Amino acid sequence: MSRYPSDSPAKTAAQVTVVTTPRNRATPAKAVGAVPRLLSTRQAAEYLGVSANTIRKYRDSGKIRAFYVGEKLVKYDPEDLDRFLREFGE
């Protein structure tokens, strides 16, 4: 018995199902100009137009809410940064 019998009918294009998957499932496509859900200290500084040290001072004084991911990683919500600008901005 042959592994590939010659008497089997050939499949037409309508019978063949092609399944494709993205190469890297962990990195979805990003919209151009989209703001990430949470920002790093550097990204928050760029968002507000100040230095990273200024962001740290605002965080330590309680002016900006920060989210700690682990012991050292700090993230900021863009909505909190917008609220800060409305309250303390010019």
C-alpha atoms as a PDB file:
ATOM      1  CA  MET A   1       0.000   0.000   0.000  1.00  0.00           C
ATOM      2  CA  SER A   2       1.429   3.320  -1.068  1.00  0.00           C
ATOM      3  CA  ARG A   3       1.508   6.284   1.278  1.00  0.00           C
ATOM      4  CA  TYR A   4       0.206   8.539  -1.488  1.00  0.00           C
ATOM      5  CA  PRO A   5      -2.255   6.566  -3.528  1.00  0.00           C
ATOM      6  CA  SER A   6      -2.467   7.648  -7.118  1.00  0.00           C
ATOM      7  CA  ASP A   7      -6.126   6.813  -7.378  1.00  0.00           C
ATOM      8  CA  SER A   8      -7.205   9.516  -4.856  1.00  0.00           C
ATOM      9  CA  PRO A   9      -9.017  12.452  -6.476  1.00  0.00           C
ATOM     10  CA  ALA A  10      -7.182  15.747  -6.630  1.00  0.00           C
ATOM     11  CA  LYS A  11      -8.615  18.540  -4.494  1.00  0.00           C
ATOM     12  CA  THR A  12      -9.942  21.612  -6.215  1.00  0.00           C
ATOM     13  CA  ALA A  13      -9.198  25.140  -4.994  1.00  0.00           C
ATOM     14  CA  ALA A  14     -12.621  25.282  -3.305  1.00  0.00           C
ATOM     15  CA  GLN A  15     -11.802  22.204  -1.214  1.00  0.00           C
ATOM     16  CA  VAL A  16      -8.433  23.426   0.041  1.00  0.00           C
ATOM     17  CA  THR A  17      -8.400  25.474   3.244  1.00  0.00           C
ATOM     18  CA  VAL A  18      -5.384  27.696   3.779  1.00  0.00           C
ATOM     19  CA  VAL A  19      -4.703  28.721   7.377  1.00  0.00           C
ATOM     20  CA  THR A  20      -2.328  31.579   8.010  1.00  0.00           C
ATOM     21  CA  THR A  21      -1.116  32.856  11.350  1.00  0.00           C
ATOM     22  CA  PRO A  22       0.845  35.991  12.173  1.00  0.00           C
ATOM     23  CA  ARG A  23       4.550  35.504  12.647  1.00  0.00           C
ATOM     24  CA  ASN A  24       4.634  37.162  16.057  1.00  0.00           C
ATOM     25  CA  ARG A  25       1.376  36.869  17.957  1.00  0.00           C
ATOM     26  CA  ALA A  26       2.727  38.814  20.933  1.00  0.00           C
ATOM     27  CA  THR A  27       3.055  42.035  18.933  1.00  0.00           C
ATOM     28  CA  PRO A  28      -0.244  43.125  17.404  1.00  0.00           C
ATOM     29  CA  ALA A  29      -0.285  45.779  14.721  1.00  0.00           C
ATOM     30  CA  LYS A  30      -0.264  49.272  16.195  1.00  0.00           C
ATOM     31  CA  ALA A  31      -2.283  52.161  14.884  1.00  0.00           C
ATOM     32  CA  VAL A  32      -0.238  55.105  13.715  1.00  0.00           C
ATOM     33  CA  GLY A  33      -0.297  57.878  16.318  1.00  0.00           C
ATOM     34  CA  ALA A  34      -2.038  55.711  18.929  1.00  0.00           C
ATOM     35  CA  VAL A  35      -1.179  56.401  22.568  1.00  0.00           C
ATOM     36  CA  PRO A  36      -0.334  53.259  24.557  1.00  0.00           C
ATOM     37  CA  ARG A  37      -2.636  52.420  27.471  1.00  0.00           C
ATOM     38  CA  LEU A  38       0.116  53.018  30.049  1.00  0.00           C
ATOM     39  CA  LEU A  39       3.241  55.109  29.543  1.00  0.00           C
ATOM     40  CA  SER A  40       6.759  54.732  30.923  1.00  0.00           C
ATOM     41  CA  THR A  41       8.379  57.589  32.840  1.00  0.00           C
ATOM     42  CA  ARG A  42      10.207  58.719  29.703  1.00  0.00           C
ATOM     43  CA  GLN A  43       7.035  58.547  27.596  1.00  0.00           C
ATOM     44  CA  ALA A  44       5.077  60.453  30.263  1.00  0.00           C
ATOM     45  CA  ALA A  45       7.782  63.139  30.286  1.00  0.00           C
ATOM     46  CA  GLU A  46       7.567  63.485  26.498  1.00  0.00           C
ATOM     47  CA  TYR A  47       3.758  63.558  26.716  1.00  0.00           C
ATOM     48  CA  LEU A  48       3.868  66.490  29.162  1.00  0.00           C
ATOM     49  CA  GLY A  49       6.932  68.175  27.649  1.00  0.00           C
ATOM     50  CA  VAL A  50       9.031  67.958  30.831  1.00  0.00           C
ATOM     51  CA  SER A  51      12.040  65.930  31.963  1.00  0.00           C
ATOM     52  CA  ALA A  52      11.865  62.441  33.447  1.00  0.00           C
ATOM     53  CA  ASN A  53      13.131  63.849  36.760  1.00  0.00           C
ATOM     54  CA  THR A  54      10.225  66.306  36.828  1.00  0.00           C
ATOM     55  CA  ILE A  55       7.792  63.398  36.331  1.00  0.00           C
ATOM     56  CA  ARG A  56       9.431  61.603  39.267  1.00  0.00           C
ATOM     57  CA  LYS A  57       9.067  64.722  41.429  1.00  0.00           C
ATOM     58  CA  TYR A  58       5.393  65.065  40.470  1.00  0.00           C
ATOM     59  CA  ARG A  59       4.879  61.380  41.288  1.00  0.00           C
ATOM     60  CA  ASP A  60       6.652  61.623  44.654  1.00  0.00           C
ATOM     61  CA  SER A  61       4.648  64.735  45.612  1.00  0.00           C
ATOM     62  CA  GLY A  62       1.363  63.030  44.667  1.00  0.00           C
ATOM     63  CA  LYS A  63       0.509  65.347  41.775  1.00  0.00           C
ATOM     64  CA  ILE A  64       0.519  62.449  39.288  1.00  0.00           C
ATOM     65  CA  ARG A  65      -0.800  58.961  40.019  1.00  0.00           C
ATOM     66  CA  ALA A  66       1.605  56.150  39.147  1.00  0.00           C
ATOM     67  CA  PHE A  67       1.158  52.394  38.763  1.00  0.00           C
ATOM     68  CA  TYR A  68       3.963  50.179  40.022  1.00  0.00           C
ATOM     69  CA  VAL A  69       4.585  47.017  38.050  1.00  0.00           C
ATOM     70  CA  GLY A  70       6.862  45.027  40.307  1.00  0.00           C
ATOM     71  CA  GLU A  71       9.373  46.794  42.519  1.00  0.00           C
ATOM     72  CA  LYS A  72      10.909  49.250  40.052  1.00  0.00           C
ATOM     73  CA  LEU A  73       8.810  49.567  36.912  1.00  0.00           C
ATOM     74  CA  VAL A  74       6.493  52.588  37.017  1.00  0.00           C
ATOM     75  CA  LYS A  75       3.719  53.324  34.506  1.00  0.00           C
ATOM     76  CA  TYR A  76       1.422  56.319  33.994  1.00  0.00           C
ATOM     77  CA  ASP A  77      -2.091  56.509  32.583  1.00  0.00           C
ATOM     78  CA  PRO A  78      -2.433  59.202  29.858  1.00  0.00           C
ATOM     79  CA  GLU A  79      -5.841  60.161  31.328  1.00  0.00           C
ATOM     80  CA  ASP A  80      -4.129  60.981  34.643  1.00  0.00           C
ATOM     81  CA  LEU A  81      -1.580  63.084  32.775  1.00  0.00           C
ATOM     82  CA  ASP A  82      -4.384  64.963  31.004  1.00  0.00           C
ATOM     83  CA  ARG A  83      -6.075  65.545  34.378  1.00  0.00           C
ATOM     84  CA  PHE A  84      -2.775  66.886  35.731  1.00  0.00           C
ATOM     85  CA  LEU A  85      -2.530  69.309  32.810  1.00  0.00           C
ATOM     86  CA  ARG A  86      -6.084  70.561  33.419  1.00  0.00           C
ATOM     87  CA  GLU A  87      -5.423  71.106  37.146  1.00  0.00           C
ATOM     88  CA  PHE A  88      -1.851  72.410  37.113  1.00  0.00           C
ATOM     89  CA  GLY A  89      -1.262  73.399  33.477  1.00  0.00           C
ATOM     90  CA  GLU A  90      -1.085  76.908  32.167  1.00  0.00           C
END
